[in-house]
C-alpha atoms as a PDB file:
ATOM      1  CA  MET A   1      12.611  -2.358 -18.433  1.00  0.00           C
ATOM      2  CA  TRP A   2       9.781   0.135 -18.114  1.00  0.00           C
ATOM      3  CA  ASN A   3       7.837  -1.763 -20.387  1.00  0.00           C
ATOM      4  CA  LYS A   4       8.223  -5.075 -18.222  1.00  0.00           C
ATOM      5  CA  ILE A   5       7.606  -3.109 -15.023  1.00  0.00           C
ATOM      6  CA  LYS A   6       4.047  -2.052 -16.436  1.00  0.00           C
ATOM      7  CA  ILE A   7       3.500  -5.611 -17.571  1.00  0.00           C
ATOM      8  CA  ILE A   8       4.139  -6.960 -14.137  1.00  0.00           C
ATOM      9  CA  LEU A   9       2.018  -4.313 -12.196  1.00  0.00           C
ATOM     10  CA  GLU A  10      -0.594  -5.321 -14.606  1.00  0.00           C
ATOM     11  CA  MET A  11      -0.378  -8.765 -14.141  1.00  0.00           C
ATOM     12  CA  ILE A  12      -0.153  -8.439 -10.439  1.00  0.00           C
ATOM     13  CA  LYS A  13      -3.132  -6.031 -10.614  1.00  0.00           C
ATOM     14  CA  PHE A  14      -1.540  -3.113  -8.087  1.00  0.00           C
ATOM     15  CA  GLU A  15      -4.230  -1.380  -7.806  1.00  0.00           C
ATOM     16  CA  HIS A  16      -5.999  -3.738  -6.016  1.00  0.00           C
ATOM     17  CA  THR A  17      -3.771  -3.236  -3.086  1.00  0.00           C
ATOM     18  CA  ILE A  18      -6.708  -1.106  -1.882  1.00  0.00           C
ATOM     19  CA  PHE A  19      -8.449  -4.177  -0.531  1.00  0.00           C
ATOM     20  CA  ALA A  20      -5.922  -5.031   2.013  1.00  0.00           C
ATOM     21  CA  LEU A  21      -3.736  -1.978   2.780  1.00  0.00           C
ATOM     22  CA  PRO A  22      -6.226   0.457   4.357  1.00  0.00           C
ATOM     23  CA  PHE A  23      -7.296  -2.652   6.692  1.00  0.00           C
ATOM     24  CA  ALA A  24      -2.866  -3.245   7.079  1.00  0.00           C
ATOM     25  CA  PHE A  25      -2.996   0.478   8.419  1.00  0.00           C
ATOM     26  CA  LEU A  26      -6.286   0.244  10.422  1.00  0.00           C
ATOM     27  CA  GLY A  27      -4.403  -2.809  12.030  1.00  0.00           C
ATOM     28  CA  ALA A  28      -1.366  -0.877  12.922  1.00  0.00           C
ATOM     29  CA  ILE A  29      -3.093   2.273  14.295  1.00  0.00           C
ATOM     30  CA  MET A  30      -5.858   0.318  16.126  1.00  0.00           C
ATOM     31  CA  GLY A  31      -3.345  -1.825  17.499  1.00  0.00           C
ATOM     32  CA  ASN A  32      -0.688   0.880  18.640  1.00  0.00           C
ATOM     33  CA  LEU A  33      -3.457   3.168  20.243  1.00  0.00           C
ATOM     34  CA  VAL A  34      -5.166  -0.030  22.084  1.00  0.00           C
ATOM     35  CA  GLU A  35      -1.932  -1.755  23.194  1.00  0.00           C
ATOM     36  CA  GLU A  36       0.139   1.710  23.792  1.00  0.00           C
ATOM     37  CA  GLY A  37      -1.896   4.703  23.470  1.00  0.00           C
ATOM     38  CA  THR A  38       0.038   6.116  20.732  1.00  0.00           C
ATOM     39  CA  VAL A  39       0.148   5.948  16.623  1.00  0.00           C
ATOM     40  CA  PRO A  40       2.847   3.988  14.912  1.00  0.00           C
ATOM     41  CA  SER A  41       6.224   6.081  14.218  1.00  0.00           C
ATOM     42  CA  LEU A  42       7.664   6.947  10.956  1.00  0.00           C
ATOM     43  CA  MET A  43       9.586   3.999  10.312  1.00  0.00           C
ATOM     44  CA  GLU A  44       6.719   1.569  11.368  1.00  0.00           C
ATOM     45  CA  TRP A  45       4.838   2.893   8.729  1.00  0.00           C
ATOM     46  CA  ILE A  46       7.617   2.562   6.138  1.00  0.00           C
ATOM     47  CA  TRP A  47       8.419  -1.003   6.909  1.00  0.00           C
ATOM     48  CA  ILE A  48       4.796  -2.069   7.208  1.00  0.00           C
ATOM     49  CA  THR A  49       4.058  -0.309   4.274  1.00  0.00           C
ATOM     50  CA  LEU A  50       6.897  -2.535   2.282  1.00  0.00           C
ATOM     51  CA  ALA A  51       5.951  -5.277   3.996  1.00  0.00           C
ATOM     52  CA  MET A  52       2.749  -5.460   2.567  1.00  0.00           C
ATOM     53  CA  VAL A  53       3.557  -4.355  -0.810  1.00  0.00           C
ATOM     54  CA  GLY A  54       6.175  -7.402  -0.506  1.00  0.00           C
ATOM     55  CA  ALA A  55       4.101  -9.995   0.615  1.00  0.00           C
ATOM     56  CA  ARG A  56       0.752  -8.890  -1.592  1.00  0.00           C
ATOM     57  CA  SER A  57       3.119  -8.834  -4.917  1.00  0.00           C
ATOM     58  CA  SER A  58       4.718 -11.876  -3.920  1.00  0.00           C
ATOM     59  CA  ALA A  59       1.250 -13.576  -3.712  1.00  0.00           C
ATOM     60  CA  MET A  60      -0.054 -12.146  -6.845  1.00  0.00           C
ATOM     61  CA  ALA A  61       2.889 -13.192  -8.823  1.00  0.00           C
ATOM     62  CA  LEU A  62       3.014 -16.714  -7.494  1.00  0.00           C
ATOM     63  CA  ASN A  63      -0.780 -17.221  -8.319  1.00  0.00           C
ATOM     64  CA  ARG A  64      -0.307 -16.413 -11.722  1.00  0.00           C
ATOM     65  CA  ALA A  65       2.963 -18.370 -12.349  1.00  0.00           C
ATOM     66  CA  ILE A  66       1.100 -21.600 -10.710  1.00  0.00           C
ATOM     67  CA  ASP A  67      -2.217 -20.799 -12.418  1.00  0.00           C
ATOM     68  CA  SER A  68      -0.562 -20.179 -15.915  1.00  0.00           C
ATOM     69  CA  GLU A  69      -1.773 -23.247 -17.450  1.00  0.00           C
ATOM     70  CA  ILE A  70      -5.092 -23.179 -15.985  1.00  0.00           C
ATOM     71  CA  ASP A  71      -5.139 -19.245 -17.238  1.00  0.00           C
ATOM     72  CA  GLY A  72      -3.946 -20.362 -20.927  1.00  0.00           C
ATOM     73  CA  ALA A  73      -7.008 -22.849 -21.171  1.00  0.00           C
ATOM     74  CA  ASN A  74      -9.491 -20.420 -19.788  1.00  0.00           C
ATOM     75  CA  PRO A  75     -10.824 -17.897 -22.583  1.00  0.00           C
ATOM     76  CA  ARG A  76     -11.492 -14.929 -19.973  1.00  0.00           C
ATOM     77  CA  THR A  77      -7.953 -15.539 -18.649  1.00  0.00           C
ATOM     78  CA  LYS A  78      -5.799 -16.339 -21.842  1.00  0.00           C
ATOM     79  CA  THR A  79      -4.540 -12.969 -22.371  1.00  0.00           C
ATOM     80  CA  ARG A  80      -2.872 -12.492 -19.000  1.00  0.00           C
ATOM     81  CA  ALA A  81       1.280 -11.701 -19.132  1.00  0.00           C
ATOM     82  CA  ILE A  82       2.222 -15.320 -18.762  1.00  0.00           C
ATOM     83  CA  PRO A  83      -0.004 -17.391 -21.279  1.00  0.00           C
ATOM     84  CA  ALA A  84       0.198 -14.661 -23.737  1.00  0.00           C
ATOM     85  CA  LYS A  85       3.921 -14.758 -23.272  1.00  0.00           C
ATOM     86  CA  LEU A  86       4.410 -11.087 -22.363  1.00  0.00           C
ATOM     87  CA  LEU A  87       6.870 -12.422 -19.768  1.00  0.00           C
ATOM     88  CA  LYS A  88       9.178 -14.988 -19.400  1.00  0.00           C
ATOM     89  CA  MET A  89       8.820 -17.474 -16.181  1.00  0.00           C
ATOM     90  CA  GLY A  90      12.420 -16.352 -15.097  1.00  0.00           C
ATOM     91  CA  GLU A  91      11.275 -12.950 -15.060  1.00  0.00           C
ATOM     92  CA  VAL A  92       8.307 -13.424 -12.860  1.00  0.00           C
ATOM     93  CA  TYR A  93      10.128 -15.732 -10.439  1.00  0.00           C
ATOM     94  CA  LEU A  94      13.010 -12.954 -10.184  1.00  0.00           C
ATOM     95  CA  PHE A  95      10.254 -10.390  -9.068  1.00  0.00           C
ATOM     96  CA  ILE A  96       8.552 -13.495  -6.754  1.00  0.00           C
ATOM     97  CA  LEU A  97      12.244 -13.593  -4.966  1.00  0.00           C
ATOM     98  CA  VAL A  98      12.483 -10.062  -5.112  1.00  0.00           C
ATOM     99  CA  SER A  99       9.125  -9.159  -3.512  1.00  0.00           C
ATOM    100  CA  LEU A 100       9.334 -12.237  -0.863  1.00  0.00           C
ATOM    101  CA  ALA A 101      13.140 -10.677  -0.183  1.00  0.00           C
ATOM    102  CA  LEU A 102      11.013  -7.185   0.775  1.00  0.00           C
ATOM    103  CA  LEU A 103       8.837  -8.810   3.033  1.00  0.00           C
ATOM    104  CA  PHE A 104      11.437 -10.693   5.121  1.00  0.00           C
ATOM    105  CA  VAL A 105      13.692  -7.312   5.256  1.00  0.00           C
ATOM    106  CA  SER A 106      10.531  -5.537   6.625  1.00  0.00           C
ATOM    107  CA  ALA A 107       9.708  -8.230   9.035  1.00  0.00           C
ATOM    108  CA  TYR A 108      13.236  -7.882  10.435  1.00  0.00           C
ATOM    109  CA  GLN A 109      13.201  -4.356  10.825  1.00  0.00           C
ATOM    110  CA  LEU A 110       9.570  -4.692  12.809  1.00  0.00           C
ATOM    111  CA  ASN A 111       9.934  -7.005  15.643  1.00  0.00           C
ATOM    112  CA  ALA A 112      10.745 -10.401  16.929  1.00  0.00           C
ATOM    113  CA  LEU A 113       6.757 -11.631  16.621  1.00  0.00           C
ATOM    114  CA  SER A 114       6.846 -10.233  13.216  1.00  0.00           C
ATOM    115  CA  VAL A 115       9.914 -12.449  12.173  1.00  0.00           C
ATOM    116  CA  LYS A 116       8.357 -15.593  13.934  1.00  0.00           C
ATOM    117  CA  LEU A 117       5.130 -15.361  12.108  1.00  0.00           C
ATOM    118  CA  LEU A 118       6.680 -15.177   8.874  1.00  0.00           C
ATOM    119  CA  PRO A 119       6.707 -18.973   8.213  1.00  0.00           C
ATOM    120  CA  LEU A 120       2.862 -18.758   8.592  1.00  0.00           C
ATOM    121  CA  ALA A 121       2.417 -15.658   6.410  1.00  0.00           C
ATOM    122  CA  VAL A 122       4.482 -17.357   3.463  1.00  0.00           C
ATOM    123  CA  PHE A 123       2.829 -20.883   3.908  1.00  0.00           C
ATOM    124  CA  PHE A 124      -0.656 -19.241   3.283  1.00  0.00           C
ATOM    125  CA  LEU A 125       0.849 -16.780   0.246  1.00  0.00           C
ATOM    126  CA  VAL A 126       2.147 -19.921  -1.537  1.00  0.00           C
ATOM    127  CA  ILE A 127      -0.910 -22.636  -0.718  1.00  0.00           C
ATOM    128  CA  TYR A 128      -3.880 -20.593  -1.608  1.00  0.00           C
ATOM    129  CA  SER A 129      -2.792 -20.810  -5.410  1.00  0.00           C
ATOM    130  CA  TYR A 130      -3.113 -24.587  -4.985  1.00  0.00           C
ATOM    131  CA  THR A 131      -6.545 -25.175  -3.115  1.00  0.00           C
ATOM    132  CA  LYS A 132      -8.883 -24.622  -5.863  1.00  0.00           C
ATOM    133  CA  ARG A 133      -7.387 -27.950  -7.173  1.00  0.00           C
ATOM    134  CA  PHE A 134      -8.974 -29.898  -4.034  1.00  0.00           C
ATOM    135  CA  THR A 135     -11.353 -27.724  -2.098  1.00  0.00           C
ATOM    136  CA  TYR A 136     -14.096 -25.630  -2.470  1.00  0.00           C
ATOM    137  CA  LEU A 137     -13.093 -24.013   0.611  1.00  0.00           C
ATOM    138  CA  CYS A 138     -10.435 -21.968  -1.420  1.00  0.00           C
ATOM    139  CA  HIS A 139     -12.363 -18.783  -0.797  1.00  0.00           C
ATOM    140  CA  ILE A 140     -12.034 -19.157   2.833  1.00  0.00           C
ATOM    141  CA  VAL A 141      -8.144 -19.878   2.369  1.00  0.00           C
ATOM    142  CA  LEU A 142      -7.909 -16.390   0.169  1.00  0.00           C
ATOM    143  CA  GLY A 143      -9.946 -15.043   3.186  1.00  0.00           C
ATOM    144  CA  VAL A 144      -7.003 -16.127   5.857  1.00  0.00           C
ATOM    145  CA  THR A 145      -4.441 -14.855   3.534  1.00  0.00           C
ATOM    146  CA  ILE A 146      -5.865 -11.143   2.981  1.00  0.00           C
ATOM    147  CA  ALA A 147      -6.483 -11.017   6.367  1.00  0.00           C
ATOM    148  CA  LEU A 148      -3.075 -11.506   7.733  1.00  0.00           C
ATOM    149  CA  ALA A 149      -2.512  -7.779   6.253  1.00  0.00           C
ATOM    150  CA  PRO A 150      -4.468  -6.262   9.245  1.00  0.00           C
ATOM    151  CA  LEU A 151      -3.183  -9.021  11.504  1.00  0.00           C
ATOM    152  CA  GLY A 152       0.513  -8.045  10.059  1.00  0.00           C
ATOM    153  CA  GLY A 153      -0.064  -4.261  10.680  1.00  0.00           C
ATOM    154  CA  TRP A 154      -1.267  -5.056  14.123  1.00  0.00           C
ATOM    155  CA  VAL A 155       1.936  -6.914  15.017  1.00  0.00           C
ATOM    156  CA  GLY A 156       4.225  -5.016  13.011  1.00  0.00           C
ATOM    157  CA  ALA A 157       3.018  -1.709  15.275  1.00  0.00           C
ATOM    158  CA  THR A 158       2.898  -3.570  18.392  1.00  0.00           C
ATOM    159  CA  GLY A 159       4.843  -6.835  18.644  1.00  0.00           C
ATOM    160  CA  THR A 160       1.675  -8.083  20.439  1.00  0.00           C
ATOM    161  CA  LEU A 161      -1.493  -9.868  19.357  1.00  0.00           C
ATOM    162  CA  SER A 162      -4.727  -9.417  21.318  1.00  0.00           C
ATOM    163  CA  PRO A 163      -8.504 -10.427  20.947  1.00  0.00           C
ATOM    164  CA  GLU A 164      -9.174  -7.173  19.194  1.00  0.00           C
ATOM    165  CA  ALA A 165      -6.472  -8.381  16.496  1.00  0.00           C
ATOM    166  CA  PHE A 166      -8.545 -11.507  15.921  1.00  0.00           C
ATOM    167  CA  LEU A 167     -11.927  -9.866  15.648  1.00  0.00           C
ATOM    168  CA  LEU A 168     -10.194  -7.456  13.080  1.00  0.00           C
ATOM    169  CA  PHE A 169      -8.567 -10.426  11.365  1.00  0.00           C
ATOM    170  CA  ILE A 170     -12.144 -12.390  11.095  1.00  0.00           C
ATOM    171  CA  GLY A 171     -14.045  -9.725   9.755  1.00  0.00           C
ATOM    172  CA  VAL A 172     -11.476  -9.328   6.907  1.00  0.00           C
ATOM    173  CA  LEU A 173     -11.344 -12.941   6.558  1.00  0.00           C
ATOM    174  CA  PHE A 174     -15.122 -13.685   6.065  1.00  0.00           C
ATOM    175  CA  TRP A 175     -15.423 -10.119   3.940  1.00  0.00           C
ATOM    176  CA  THR A 176     -12.819 -11.614   1.420  1.00  0.00           C
ATOM    177  CA  ALA A 177     -14.069 -14.809   1.381  1.00  0.00           C
ATOM    178  CA  GLY A 178     -17.654 -13.394   0.469  1.00  0.00           C
ATOM    179  CA  PHE A 179     -16.826 -11.176  -2.457  1.00  0.00           C
ATOM    180  CA  ASP A 180     -14.006 -14.095  -3.725  1.00  0.00           C
ATOM    181  CA  VAL A 181     -17.269 -16.420  -4.129  1.00  0.00           C
ATOM    182  CA  ILE A 182     -19.030 -13.763  -6.116  1.00  0.00           C
ATOM    183  CA  TYR A 183     -15.811 -13.443  -7.909  1.00  0.00           C
ATOM    184  CA  ALA A 184     -15.853 -17.071  -8.668  1.00  0.00           C
ATOM    185  CA  THR A 185     -19.244 -17.142 -10.211  1.00  0.00           C
ATOM    186  CA  GLN A 186     -17.958 -16.069 -13.650  1.00  0.00           C
ATOM    187  CA  ASP A 187     -16.176 -19.228 -13.944  1.00  0.00           C
ATOM    188  CA  ALA A 188     -18.186 -21.897 -12.332  1.00  0.00           C
ATOM    189  CA  GLU A 189     -18.775 -23.854 -15.443  1.00  0.00           C
ATOM    190  CA  TYR A 190     -15.450 -23.481 -16.709  1.00  0.00           C
ATOM    191  CA  ASP A 191     -13.777 -24.502 -13.221  1.00  0.00           C
ATOM    192  CA  LYS A 192     -16.700 -27.459 -13.002  1.00  0.00           C
ATOM    193  CA  SER A 193     -15.796 -28.866 -16.254  1.00  0.00           C
ATOM    194  CA  HIS A 194     -12.020 -28.874 -15.803  1.00  0.00           C
ATOM    195  CA  GLY A 195     -12.098 -30.349 -12.241  1.00  0.00           C
ATOM    196  CA  LEU A 196     -11.418 -27.142 -10.624  1.00  0.00           C
ATOM    197  CA  TYR A 197     -13.192 -26.212  -7.244  1.00  0.00           C
ATOM    198  CA  SER A 198     -14.843 -23.230  -6.037  1.00  0.00           C
ATOM    199  CA  ILE A 199     -18.015 -22.801  -4.076  1.00  0.00           C
ATOM    200  CA  PRO A 200     -19.918 -21.961  -7.259  1.00  0.00           C
ATOM    201  CA  SER A 201     -18.706 -24.662  -9.219  1.00  0.00           C
ATOM    202  CA  SER A 202     -19.723 -27.258  -6.699  1.00  0.00           C
ATOM    203  CA  PHE A 203     -22.789 -25.739  -5.669  1.00  0.00           C
ATOM    204  CA  GLY A 204     -24.276 -23.751  -8.970  1.00  0.00           C
ATOM    205  CA  ILE A 205     -24.202 -20.291  -8.713  1.00  0.00           C
ATOM    206  CA  ALA A 206     -27.125 -19.247  -6.910  1.00  0.00           C
ATOM    207  CA  ASN A 207     -26.155 -20.834  -3.852  1.00  0.00           C
ATOM    208  CA  GLY A 208     -22.751 -19.459  -4.264  1.00  0.00           C
ATOM    209  CA  LEU A 209     -24.359 -16.272  -4.192  1.00  0.00           C
ATOM    210  CA  MET A 210     -26.459 -17.496  -0.921  1.00  0.00           C
ATOM    211  CA  THR A 211     -22.965 -18.421   0.538  1.00  0.00           C
ATOM    212  CA  ALA A 212     -21.477 -15.152  -0.144  1.00  0.00           C
ATOM    213  CA  ARG A 213     -24.443 -13.341   1.809  1.00  0.00           C
ATOM    214  CA  TRP A 214     -23.742 -15.331   4.822  1.00  0.00           C
ATOM    215  CA  LEU A 215     -20.203 -14.794   5.060  1.00  0.00           C
ATOM    216  CA  HIS A 216     -20.647 -11.111   4.595  1.00  0.00           C
ATOM    217  CA  VAL A 217     -23.297 -11.356   7.345  1.00  0.00           C
ATOM    218  CA  ALA A 218     -20.633 -13.160   9.164  1.00  0.00           C
ATOM    219  CA  SER A 219     -18.054 -10.368   8.533  1.00  0.00           C
ATOM    220  CA  PHE A 220     -20.326  -7.383   9.352  1.00  0.00           C
ATOM    221  CA  ILE A 221     -20.809  -9.423  12.966  1.00  0.00           C
ATOM    222  CA  ALA A 222     -17.291  -9.516  13.633  1.00  0.00           C
ATOM    223  CA  PHE A 223     -16.840  -5.694  12.750  1.00  0.00           C
ATOM    224  CA  VAL A 224     -19.932  -4.863  15.189  1.00  0.00           C
ATOM    225  CA  SER A 225     -18.188  -6.993  17.825  1.00  0.00           C
ATOM    226  CA  LEU A 226     -14.672  -5.959  17.358  1.00  0.00           C
ATOM    227  CA  GLY A 227     -16.555  -2.208  18.153  1.00  0.00           C
ATOM    228  CA  VAL A 228     -17.914  -3.727  21.252  1.00  0.00           C
ATOM    229  CA  VAL A 229     -15.079  -5.135  22.620  1.00  0.00           C
ATOM    230  CA  SER A 230     -12.425  -1.886  21.877  1.00  0.00           C
ATOM    231  CA  GLY A 231     -14.852   0.507  23.042  1.00  0.00           C
ATOM    232  CA  MET A 232     -15.344   2.461  19.898  1.00  0.00           C
ATOM    233  CA  GLY A 233     -17.863   5.414  19.824  1.00  0.00           C
ATOM    234  CA  TRP A 234     -20.538   6.305  16.821  1.00  0.00           C
ATOM    235  CA  ILE A 235     -18.303   7.329  14.229  1.00  0.00           C
ATOM    236  CA  TYR A 236     -16.726   3.801  14.067  1.00  0.00           C
ATOM    237  CA  TYR A 237     -20.308   2.089  13.975  1.00  0.00           C
ATOM    238  CA  LEU A 238     -21.367   4.709  10.917  1.00  0.00           C
ATOM    239  CA  GLY A 239     -18.603   3.200   9.010  1.00  0.00           C
ATOM    240  CA  VAL A 240     -19.361  -0.352  10.175  1.00  0.00           C
ATOM    241  CA  PHE A 241     -23.149   0.509   8.899  1.00  0.00           C
ATOM    242  CA  ILE A 242     -22.286   2.115   5.783  1.00  0.00           C
ATOM    243  CA  SER A 243     -19.946  -0.905   4.744  1.00  0.00           C
ATOM    244  CA  GLY A 244     -22.812  -3.169   5.532  1.00  0.00           C
ATOM    245  CA  ALA A 245     -24.915  -0.925   3.527  1.00  0.00           C
ATOM    246  CA  ILE A 246     -22.163  -1.445   0.372  1.00  0.00           C
ATOM    247  CA  MET A 247     -22.234  -5.172   0.916  1.00  0.00           C
ATOM    248  CA  VAL A 248     -26.093  -5.643   0.405  1.00  0.00           C
ATOM    249  CA  TYR A 249     -25.858  -2.865  -2.863  1.00  0.00           C
ATOM    250  CA  GLU A 250     -22.883  -5.284  -3.676  1.00  0.00           C
ATOM    251  CA  HIS A 251     -25.073  -8.087  -3.784  1.00  0.00           C
ATOM    252  CA  SER A 252     -27.904  -6.603  -5.475  1.00  0.00           C
ATOM    253  CA  LEU A 253     -25.576  -6.082  -8.523  1.00  0.00           C
ATOM    254  CA  VAL A 254     -25.247  -9.848  -8.853  1.00  0.00           C
ATOM    255  CA  LYS A 255     -28.156 -12.369 -10.163  1.00  0.00           C
ATOM    256  CA  PRO A 256     -27.469 -15.853 -10.693  1.00  0.00           C
ATOM    257  CA  HIS A 257     -28.660 -15.229 -14.208  1.00  0.00           C
ATOM    258  CA  ASP A 258     -26.959 -11.827 -14.826  1.00  0.00           C
ATOM    259  CA  LEU A 259     -23.478 -11.506 -13.920  1.00  0.00           C
ATOM    260  CA  SER A 260     -22.912  -8.370 -15.999  1.00  0.00           C
ATOM    261  CA  LYS A 261     -21.804  -6.029 -13.063  1.00  0.00           C
ATOM    262  CA  LEU A 262     -19.648  -8.270 -11.460  1.00  0.00           C
ATOM    263  CA  ASP A 263     -16.942  -5.983 -12.013  1.00  0.00           C
ATOM    264  CA  VAL A 264     -18.748  -2.601 -10.146  1.00  0.00           C
ATOM    265  CA  ALA A 265     -19.779  -5.297  -7.503  1.00  0.00           C
ATOM    266  CA  PHE A 266     -16.205  -6.930  -7.123  1.00  0.00           C
ATOM    267  CA  PHE A 267     -13.948  -4.226  -7.876  1.00  0.00           C
ATOM    268  CA  THR A 268     -15.252  -1.214  -7.079  1.00  0.00           C
ATOM    269  CA  MET A 269     -17.844  -1.860  -4.081  1.00  0.00           C
ATOM    270  CA  ASN A 270     -14.649  -3.852  -2.424  1.00  0.00           C
ATOM    271  CA  GLY A 271     -12.331  -0.624  -2.987  1.00  0.00           C
ATOM    272  CA  VAL A 272     -14.752   1.555  -1.275  1.00  0.00           C
ATOM    273  CA  LEU A 273     -15.576  -0.632   1.884  1.00  0.00           C
ATOM    274  CA  SER A 274     -11.941  -0.887   2.761  1.00  0.00           C
ATOM    275  CA  VAL A 275     -11.138   2.752   2.542  1.00  0.00           C
ATOM    276  CA  VAL A 276     -14.472   3.343   4.307  1.00  0.00           C
ATOM    277  CA  MET A 277     -13.984   1.129   7.111  1.00  0.00           C
ATOM    278  CA  PHE A 278     -10.429   2.939   7.614  1.00  0.00           C
ATOM    279  CA  ILE A 279     -11.422   6.459   7.378  1.00  0.00           C
ATOM    280  CA  PHE A 280     -14.277   6.134   9.848  1.00  0.00           C
ATOM    281  CA  SER A 281     -12.244   3.700  12.380  1.00  0.00           C
ATOM    282  CA  VAL A 282      -9.055   5.733  12.122  1.00  0.00           C
ATOM    283  CA  GLY A 283     -11.194   8.838  12.810  1.00  0.00           C
ATOM    284  CA  ASP A 284     -12.933   7.534  15.652  1.00  0.00           C
ATOM    285  CA  LEU A 285      -9.924   6.516  17.517  1.00  0.00           C
ATOM    286  CA  LEU A 286      -8.439   9.721  16.765  1.00  0.00           C
ATOM    287  CA  ILE A 287     -11.881  12.123  17.562  1.00  0.00           C
END
C-alpha cells in the first residue's frame, strides 16, 4: 500500500503543489483582510488546504488517465506510472474519486459560494486534459485552472468576490500560461507530428518562447495593478519586482536551440516565484 501511495504521489507530482498552494493561501489572507480586516480562522485554513489538495490531486490524476495513451507513445513520458503499468486504471480512478470527494466535502464546510462555484472548478479540472487535442490555447485553459486556486482561497475565506480577487486570478493565469508554454517546447516536434496542439508545436519554439515572455509581462502588470487597487505598500511591490526578475531569469535559461536548462526554468524558478509572492504580499498585509 505504501509503495502504491508513493507511485501515485510521483504520478501527480505532489511536490509541484508549491506552484499553486501559496497563491491559494495568499487569496485567503488577502481576501479576509480586504473584506473583513481579519485573517482566516484555523478551520478555514484546514478546509482551504484540503480543498486545494483534493482539486490538484484529482486534476493531475485525471490528466494522467486521460493522456495515458499519448504518454505511452511519447519517449519522454512512456515511463510514467500508467503507461509503465505501475498502476492499474481502476486504482487511478479510485484515487480521483477520493480526491474529488475531498474537494466537495471541503467546499461544503466553507460557505455557500464555494459550493456554487464547484461545478465551474470541476469543469476546468476535467476539460484541460482534452484541450491539447483541438486548440493551442490549452495553455490559457491550464492558466485558468491553476488560477482558480487563489480565487478559491479568496472565496473559501470570505464567501465573496471582488475586483482584487480577479486581478490576482489574472496574474496567476498569465504566469501559469507563460511557464506552460515554456514547458511545452520540449514536446513541440512530437506534438506536431501526432496532431496535438500547443503554441510551440503550432508556431515554432522561438515564437512560443516569445509568446511566453508576453504572457509573463501581462502577469507582471496584473500583479502591479493588484497592488494599486488594493493599496499595497512597498514590501508588496518589492516582492512583485523580485518575481518579475525571476521571470526574466527564467526566460534567459531557455533558448530556441538550447532547452537543456528547461527543468531549472520550469520547476525551480516557478516554485521560488510563488513563495516570494506569498511571503512579500503577506508581509506587507500584516506589517
